[in-house]
Amino acid sequence: MGLRAAALLWLLIAAAAIPAAADPIRIATWDPGLSRKGPGLLLRDIARDDPQVMAAAKVIAAAAPDVILLTGIDWDHDARALEGFSGILTKTGLRLPYSFTARPNSGMATGLDLNADGRLGRADDAQGWGLFTGQNGMAVLSRLPLGPVTDHTDRLWRDLPGALMPDTAPEIAAVQRLSSTAHWDIPVQTPDGPLHLLAWSATPPVFDGPEDRNGRRNHDEAAFWLHHLPDAPFVLIGNINLDPVDGEGRAEALRRLLSVAQDPQPRSAWQPPQTGTNARHRGDPALDTGDFDDDGPGNLRVDYILPDKALSVMDSGVIWPAPDQPLAQAVKTASDHRLVWVDLDLQASKDATAPQARSRSSSVTQ
């Protein structure tokens, strides 16, 4: 073998020994508006290519996530609606073959008069507000394998350390769950090890009385994760239903979560005119993720992806296109929420934290 051939062979061997740069993993969350007013209606609409369903699929396909948490999709026992919607995404070219869903607390009957209005079986008497069991649930779709999932959805509110649960009848306290929808710890099995999605969709901190029951519950749904952080890379993700600058609610738990997580502050490239209530808002409108009534709460930031501080964030954004952009009509048709995404470089994060012990038990205080 000549010198030039030997040198070329050495270069090829050396190049093969260098690991290829890992692609970033795109994590997304969105309430796509895939909830209906009765059981089975979502599955019906999926089967007939309802325009709202197709618009939701178009937006998700444009985002092209590797894994997405859907915080507004009706649950059914055999997950047929989720399977059908996943099939629509596949037809758009986005194949997310792995999925997880489970029965949420929304619409789950308690048999008790939770709102003390003298009537039973109403939406307000369910574990989480809902006209039927499974309404407005959650689901995960992923390009990567998932699991095993830890489902915390059945945890009682009164059992949370430092719970802000208002005084209530003993029979209610004995059954009232903390999650208005669900709390899931979902490991995404990446080439660089599991990434835990700590997912939830909280009750809005409004629509109650002076006891501030919903505001207290919204706070405690976030505070739950302060006691259940894994000793592994994680992402806090979901519809937290709280804008700490312009919305109502108690932001203390969210601020404490930011002592162990980072806020990439995903931004939209375009924002609607700041009229009505929005003109009085103090927060950056580029961070908003909800297109709500300008004469009511206005646009708010309610959907979040908060990665572990040890993770390397490459990019992030909110899909809120200008009215003249191709995706604008689909975004408007699908939902009053906007899809949020974050790109993570897990290989860089792994390399940076390899020598360090990953224990957070001493870094979080109630």
Protein backbone atom coordinates (compact mmCIF):
# COMPACT_ATOMS: atom_id res chain seq x y z
CA MET A 1 0.00 0.00 0.00
CA GLY A 2 1.39 3.39 -1.00
CA LEU A 3 1.81 6.29 1.43
CA ARG A 4 -1.09 8.24 -0.06
CA ALA A 5 -3.42 5.21 0.13
CA ALA A 6 -2.37 4.50 3.70
CA ALA A 7 -3.01 8.12 4.70
CA LEU A 8 -6.45 8.05 3.08
CA LEU A 9 -7.31 4.81 4.88
CA TRP A 10 -6.27 6.32 8.21
CA LEU A 11 -8.45 9.38 7.61
CA LEU A 12 -11.44 7.17 6.79
CA ILE A 13 -10.93 5.09 9.94
CA ALA A 14 -10.55 8.20 12.08
CA ALA A 15 -13.69 9.78 10.61
CA ALA A 16 -15.67 6.61 11.28
CA ALA A 17 -14.58 6.69 14.91
CA ILE A 18 -16.00 10.19 15.43
CA PRO A 19 -19.70 10.05 16.39
CA ALA A 20 -21.99 11.91 14.04
CA ALA A 21 -23.49 15.09 15.45
CA ALA A 22 -26.81 14.21 17.01
CA ASP A 23 -29.86 15.88 15.54
CA PRO A 24 -31.80 18.08 17.94
CA ILE A 25 -35.01 16.68 19.35
CA ARG A 26 -38.04 18.90 18.91
CA ILE A 27 -40.48 18.85 21.84
CA ALA A 28 -43.88 20.50 21.37
CA THR A 29 -47.09 21.09 23.28
CA TRP A 30 -50.44 22.34 22.09
CA ASP A 31 -54.14 22.37 22.84
CA PRO A 32 -55.35 21.57 19.31
CA GLY A 33 -59.05 21.96 20.13
CA LEU A 34 -59.77 18.26 19.58
CA SER A 35 -62.57 18.17 22.15
CA ARG A 36 -66.27 17.92 21.55
CA LYS A 37 -69.50 18.22 23.56
CA GLY A 38 -70.27 14.51 23.70
CA PRO A 39 -68.53 11.12 23.68
CA GLY A 40 -67.73 9.74 20.24
CA LEU A 41 -68.16 13.06 18.44
CA LEU A 42 -64.42 13.59 17.99
CA LEU A 43 -64.03 10.15 16.44
CA ARG A 44 -66.93 10.96 14.10
CA ASP A 45 -65.26 14.20 13.02
CA ILE A 46 -61.90 12.49 12.49
CA ALA A 47 -63.57 9.88 10.27
CA ARG A 48 -65.16 12.52 8.06
CA ASP A 49 -62.09 14.80 7.77
CA ASP A 50 -63.69 17.63 9.68
CA PRO A 51 -62.05 20.98 8.71
CA GLN A 52 -61.06 21.74 12.29
CA VAL A 53 -59.42 18.33 12.70
CA MET A 54 -57.58 18.71 9.40
CA ALA A 55 -56.42 22.20 10.37
CA ALA A 56 -54.98 20.86 13.64
CA ALA A 57 -53.12 18.15 11.72
CA LYS A 58 -51.75 20.72 9.28
CA VAL A 59 -50.33 22.87 12.09
CA ILE A 60 -48.67 19.91 13.81
CA ALA A 61 -47.21 18.69 10.52
CA ALA A 62 -45.74 22.15 9.92
CA ALA A 63 -44.11 22.10 13.35
CA ALA A 64 -42.69 18.60 12.65
CA PRO A 65 -42.12 17.65 16.31
CA ASP A 66 -40.35 14.49 17.40
CA VAL A 67 -42.72 14.32 20.35
CA ILE A 68 -45.81 16.39 21.13
CA LEU A 69 -48.07 16.64 24.17
CA LEU A 70 -51.68 17.35 23.18
CA THR A 71 -53.55 19.00 26.05
CA GLY A 72 -56.98 19.17 24.47
CA ILE A 73 -58.11 15.86 22.96
CA ASP A 74 -61.03 13.70 24.04
CA TRP A 75 -60.12 10.32 25.55
CA ASP A 76 -61.95 7.12 24.72
CA HIS A 77 -61.38 3.67 26.21
CA ASP A 78 -59.73 2.13 23.16
CA ALA A 79 -57.86 5.32 22.13
CA ARG A 80 -59.59 5.18 18.76
CA ALA A 81 -59.72 8.97 18.38
CA LEU A 82 -56.00 9.27 19.07
CA GLU A 83 -55.25 6.45 16.64
CA GLY A 84 -57.40 8.07 13.98
CA PHE A 85 -55.77 11.46 14.41
CA SER A 86 -52.31 9.88 14.30
CA GLY A 87 -53.34 8.29 11.01
CA ILE A 88 -54.23 11.71 9.60
CA LEU A 89 -50.80 13.01 10.62
CA THR A 90 -49.18 10.06 8.86
CA LYS A 91 -50.98 11.00 5.67
CA THR A 92 -49.49 14.50 5.92
CA GLY A 93 -46.03 12.93 6.02
CA LEU A 94 -45.49 13.18 9.79
CA ARG A 95 -45.19 9.68 11.23
CA LEU A 96 -45.37 9.54 15.03
CA PRO A 97 -45.85 5.80 15.64
CA TYR A 98 -45.59 5.80 19.43
CA SER A 99 -48.36 7.12 21.63
CA PHE A 100 -49.62 7.30 25.17
CA THR A 101 -52.92 8.31 26.64
CA ALA A 102 -54.88 7.37 29.74
CA ARG A 103 -58.21 8.22 31.29
CA PRO A 104 -58.07 11.78 32.64
CA ASN A 105 -59.85 13.20 35.65
CA SER A 106 -61.86 15.55 33.44
CA GLY A 107 -65.47 14.41 33.36
CA MET A 108 -64.86 11.56 35.82
CA ALA A 109 -67.95 11.38 38.03
CA THR A 110 -67.55 11.60 41.81
CA GLY A 111 -71.17 11.09 42.88
CA LEU A 112 -70.80 14.15 45.13
CA ASP A 113 -71.96 17.76 44.93
CA LEU A 114 -68.49 19.30 44.65
CA ASN A 115 -69.68 22.82 43.87
CA ALA A 116 -72.44 22.78 46.53
CA ASP A 117 -75.20 23.89 44.15
CA GLY A 118 -77.61 21.21 45.33
CA ARG A 119 -77.37 19.18 42.12
CA LEU A 120 -75.38 16.03 41.30
CA GLY A 121 -73.76 14.83 38.12
CA ARG A 122 -72.95 18.24 36.69
CA ALA A 123 -69.69 19.10 34.91
CA ASP A 124 -68.51 20.90 38.07
CA ASP A 125 -69.07 17.74 40.13
CA ALA A 126 -66.52 15.68 38.21
CA GLN A 127 -62.93 15.21 39.36
CA GLY A 128 -62.04 17.77 36.71
CA TRP A 129 -64.55 19.88 34.81
CA GLY A 130 -66.12 17.87 32.03
CA LEU A 131 -69.47 17.02 30.47
CA PHE A 132 -68.45 13.37 30.02
CA THR A 133 -65.59 11.18 31.11
CA GLY A 134 -62.52 11.86 29.03
CA GLN A 135 -63.57 15.23 27.67
CA ASN A 136 -60.59 17.49 26.96
CA GLY A 137 -57.98 14.93 28.00
CA MET A 138 -54.30 14.61 27.12
CA ALA A 139 -52.20 12.46 24.80
CA VAL A 140 -48.61 12.12 23.60
CA LEU A 141 -47.49 11.25 20.07
CA SER A 142 -43.84 10.50 19.42
CA ARG A 143 -41.31 9.45 16.80
CA LEU A 144 -39.34 7.78 19.61
CA PRO A 145 -40.42 4.96 21.94
CA LEU A 146 -42.16 5.93 25.18
CA GLY A 147 -42.37 4.51 28.66
CA PRO A 148 -42.71 3.10 31.13
CA VAL A 149 -45.06 5.91 32.16
CA THR A 150 -45.72 6.88 35.77
CA ASP A 151 -49.31 8.10 36.09
CA HIS A 152 -49.93 10.36 39.10
CA THR A 153 -53.48 11.27 38.06
CA ASP A 154 -55.16 9.53 41.01
CA ARG A 155 -53.24 11.41 43.72
CA LEU A 156 -55.51 13.13 46.25
CA TRP A 157 -55.27 16.89 46.56
CA ARG A 158 -55.15 16.79 50.35
CA ASP A 159 -52.03 14.58 50.24
CA LEU A 160 -49.84 17.18 48.56
CA PRO A 161 -47.36 18.62 51.11
CA GLY A 162 -48.38 22.19 51.85
CA ALA A 163 -51.59 21.88 49.81
CA LEU A 164 -53.66 25.05 49.46
CA MET A 165 -56.91 23.06 49.29
CA PRO A 166 -59.71 25.14 50.83
CA ASP A 167 -61.73 23.80 53.73
CA THR A 168 -64.17 21.26 52.44
CA ALA A 169 -66.41 18.45 53.67
CA PRO A 170 -64.54 15.31 54.80
CA GLU A 171 -66.30 13.12 52.24
CA ILE A 172 -65.14 15.44 49.44
CA ALA A 173 -61.56 15.71 50.71
CA ALA A 174 -61.43 11.90 50.83
CA VAL A 175 -61.99 11.58 47.06
CA GLN A 176 -60.97 14.90 45.50
CA ARG A 177 -57.97 14.39 43.21
CA LEU A 178 -55.38 17.07 42.63
CA SER A 179 -55.16 16.77 38.82
CA SER A 180 -57.94 18.51 36.97
CA THR A 181 -56.81 16.57 33.88
CA ALA A 182 -53.72 14.42 34.53
CA HIS A 183 -50.12 14.37 35.79
CA TRP A 184 -47.81 12.05 33.81
CA ASP A 185 -44.10 11.30 33.92
CA ILE A 186 -43.42 10.03 30.39
CA PRO A 187 -39.89 8.86 29.54
CA VAL A 188 -39.01 9.43 25.89
CA GLN A 189 -36.41 6.82 24.95
CA THR A 190 -33.83 8.83 23.02
CA PRO A 191 -30.42 7.65 21.70
CA ASP A 192 -28.88 9.64 24.56
CA GLY A 193 -31.02 8.08 27.27
CA PRO A 194 -34.51 8.76 28.62
CA LEU A 195 -35.91 12.28 28.64
CA HIS A 196 -38.77 12.60 31.13
CA LEU A 197 -41.77 14.67 30.06
CA LEU A 198 -43.45 15.92 33.24
CA ALA A 199 -46.82 16.70 31.72
CA TRP A 200 -50.01 18.27 33.01
CA SER A 201 -52.92 20.47 31.95
CA ALA A 202 -54.15 22.62 34.81
CA THR A 203 -57.49 24.14 35.66
CA PRO A 204 -57.79 27.85 34.86
CA PRO A 205 -57.39 29.90 38.05
CA VAL A 206 -60.78 31.60 37.52
CA PHE A 207 -64.49 30.68 37.38
CA ASP A 208 -64.81 30.26 41.16
CA GLY A 209 -65.72 32.34 44.20
CA PRO A 210 -63.98 34.09 47.08
CA GLU A 211 -62.57 30.77 48.30
CA ASP A 212 -60.33 30.82 45.16
CA ARG A 213 -60.69 27.08 44.76
CA ASN A 214 -59.54 27.03 41.14
CA GLY A 215 -56.70 29.44 41.81
CA ARG A 216 -55.46 27.25 44.65
CA ARG A 217 -55.79 24.09 42.60
CA ASN A 218 -53.97 25.62 39.64
CA HIS A 219 -51.09 26.54 41.98
CA ASP A 220 -50.94 23.08 43.53
CA GLU A 221 -51.03 21.31 40.16
CA ALA A 222 -47.73 23.05 39.37
CA ALA A 223 -46.38 22.58 42.91
CA PHE A 224 -46.87 18.82 42.58
CA TRP A 225 -43.76 18.52 40.40
CA LEU A 226 -41.59 20.11 43.08
CA HIS A 227 -41.92 16.79 44.91
CA HIS A 228 -41.63 14.46 41.90
CA LEU A 229 -38.60 15.54 39.88
CA PRO A 230 -36.66 12.55 38.50
CA ASP A 231 -32.91 12.10 38.85
CA ALA A 232 -32.70 12.20 35.06
CA PRO A 233 -33.13 14.86 32.35
CA PHE A 234 -36.66 16.24 32.34
CA VAL A 235 -38.92 18.79 30.68
CA LEU A 236 -41.87 20.39 32.44
CA ILE A 237 -44.51 20.65 29.75
CA GLY A 238 -48.16 21.45 29.23
CA ASN A 239 -50.98 23.91 29.60
CA ILE A 240 -50.10 25.47 32.95
CA ASN A 241 -53.01 27.90 32.43
CA LEU A 242 -51.16 30.73 34.16
CA ASP A 243 -49.69 33.97 32.86
CA PRO A 244 -47.65 35.33 35.76
CA VAL A 245 -47.58 38.85 34.29
CA ASP A 246 -51.01 39.50 32.79
CA GLY A 247 -53.30 36.75 34.07
CA GLU A 248 -55.01 35.86 37.30
CA GLY A 249 -53.70 33.16 39.61
CA ARG A 250 -50.93 32.32 42.04
CA ALA A 251 -47.53 32.20 40.36
CA GLU A 252 -45.42 31.12 43.36
CA ALA A 253 -45.20 27.42 42.35
CA LEU A 254 -44.25 28.31 38.77
CA ARG A 255 -41.48 30.56 40.05
CA ARG A 256 -40.16 27.76 42.26
CA LEU A 257 -40.15 25.37 39.31
CA LEU A 258 -37.92 27.86 37.52
CA SER A 259 -35.31 27.29 40.21
CA VAL A 260 -34.73 23.83 38.71
CA ALA A 261 -35.80 24.46 35.11
CA GLN A 262 -34.99 27.05 32.48
CA ASP A 263 -37.41 29.16 30.50
CA PRO A 264 -36.38 29.37 26.82
CA GLN A 265 -39.17 31.95 26.35
CA PRO A 266 -40.42 30.66 22.98
CA ARG A 267 -41.54 33.57 20.83
CA SER A 268 -43.79 34.12 17.85
CA ALA A 269 -42.50 36.07 14.87
CA TRP A 270 -45.77 38.00 14.60
CA GLN A 271 -48.25 39.30 17.16
CA PRO A 272 -51.80 40.56 16.59
CA PRO A 273 -52.59 44.24 17.17
CA GLN A 274 -52.58 44.95 20.90
CA THR A 275 -56.11 46.30 21.29
CA GLY A 276 -58.72 46.07 24.03
CA THR A 277 -57.46 44.27 27.13
CA ASN A 278 -54.17 43.54 25.39
CA ALA A 279 -53.33 47.24 25.28
CA ARG A 280 -53.19 47.19 29.09
CA HIS A 281 -51.01 44.08 29.32
CA ARG A 282 -47.45 44.42 30.61
CA GLY A 283 -46.01 41.14 29.33
CA ASP A 284 -44.21 40.65 26.03
CA PRO A 285 -46.93 39.75 23.48
CA ALA A 286 -44.43 37.60 21.56
CA LEU A 287 -44.58 35.10 24.44
CA ASP A 288 -48.38 34.72 24.35
CA THR A 289 -49.77 31.30 23.47
CA GLY A 290 -53.51 31.90 23.82
CA ASP A 291 -55.65 34.03 21.50
CA PHE A 292 -58.41 34.91 23.94
CA ASP A 293 -61.20 37.49 23.87
CA ASP A 294 -59.75 41.00 23.58
CA ASP A 295 -62.68 42.26 25.66
CA GLY A 296 -62.04 39.57 28.28
CA PRO A 297 -58.70 38.23 29.50
CA GLY A 298 -56.89 39.13 26.28
CA ASN A 299 -54.02 37.10 24.86
CA LEU A 300 -52.02 35.24 27.51
CA ARG A 301 -49.03 32.96 27.92
CA VAL A 302 -50.47 29.71 29.26
CA ASP A 303 -48.61 26.89 27.43
CA TYR A 304 -45.05 26.09 28.52
CA ILE A 305 -42.01 23.94 27.83
CA LEU A 306 -39.49 24.34 30.67
CA PRO A 307 -36.41 22.12 30.22
CA ASP A 308 -34.17 20.94 33.01
CA LYS A 309 -31.40 23.52 33.56
CA ALA A 310 -28.84 20.89 32.56
CA LEU A 311 -30.32 20.56 29.06
CA SER A 312 -28.96 22.45 26.06
CA VAL A 313 -31.66 24.47 24.26
CA MET A 314 -30.90 25.14 20.59
CA ASP A 315 -34.03 26.98 19.49
CA SER A 316 -37.67 27.57 20.37
CA GLY A 317 -40.79 29.25 19.06
CA VAL A 318 -44.54 29.78 19.06
CA ILE A 319 -46.47 29.14 15.84
CA TRP A 320 -48.51 32.31 15.41
CA PRO A 321 -48.19 33.34 11.76
CA ALA A 322 -49.16 36.70 10.28
CA PRO A 323 -52.57 36.70 8.54
CA ASP A 324 -50.97 36.66 5.08
CA GLN A 325 -48.89 33.55 5.80
CA PRO A 326 -49.94 30.13 4.36
CA LEU A 327 -50.47 28.50 7.76
CA ALA A 328 -52.48 31.36 9.27
CA GLN A 329 -55.94 30.05 8.41
CA ALA A 330 -55.19 26.56 9.76
CA VAL A 331 -53.89 28.01 13.02
CA LYS A 332 -57.01 30.15 13.42
CA THR A 333 -59.39 27.33 12.48
CA ALA A 334 -57.86 24.76 14.80
CA SER A 335 -57.69 26.38 18.22
CA ASP A 336 -57.47 29.49 20.37
CA HIS A 337 -54.12 28.16 21.65
CA ARG A 338 -50.84 28.33 19.76
CA LEU A 339 -48.36 25.48 19.37
CA VAL A 340 -45.10 25.86 21.34
CA TRP A 341 -41.88 24.03 20.42
CA VAL A 342 -38.35 23.73 21.80
CA ASP A 343 -35.31 22.06 20.18
CA LEU A 344 -32.94 20.26 22.57
CA ASP A 345 -29.39 19.04 21.95
CA LEU A 346 -29.38 16.00 24.22
CA GLN A 347 -25.89 14.89 23.22
CA ALA A 348 -24.39 18.22 24.27
CA SER A 349 -26.39 18.09 27.49
CA LYS A 350 -25.17 14.56 28.19
CA ASP A 351 -21.54 15.50 27.61
CA ALA A 352 -21.82 18.56 29.86
CA THR A 353 -23.39 16.72 32.79
CA ALA A 354 -21.62 13.35 32.60
CA PRO A 355 -19.16 14.06 35.45
CA GLN A 356 -21.84 15.50 37.71
CA ALA A 357 -24.18 13.76 40.10
CA ARG A 358 -27.82 14.52 39.27
CA SER A 359 -29.59 14.99 42.58
CA ARG A 360 -32.14 17.73 43.09
CA SER A 361 -33.54 16.79 46.44
CA SER A 362 -31.68 19.66 48.11
CA SER A 363 -32.35 22.25 45.39
CA VAL A 364 -36.13 22.46 45.67
CA THR A 365 -37.99 23.94 48.59
CA GLN A 366 -41.72 24.10 49.12
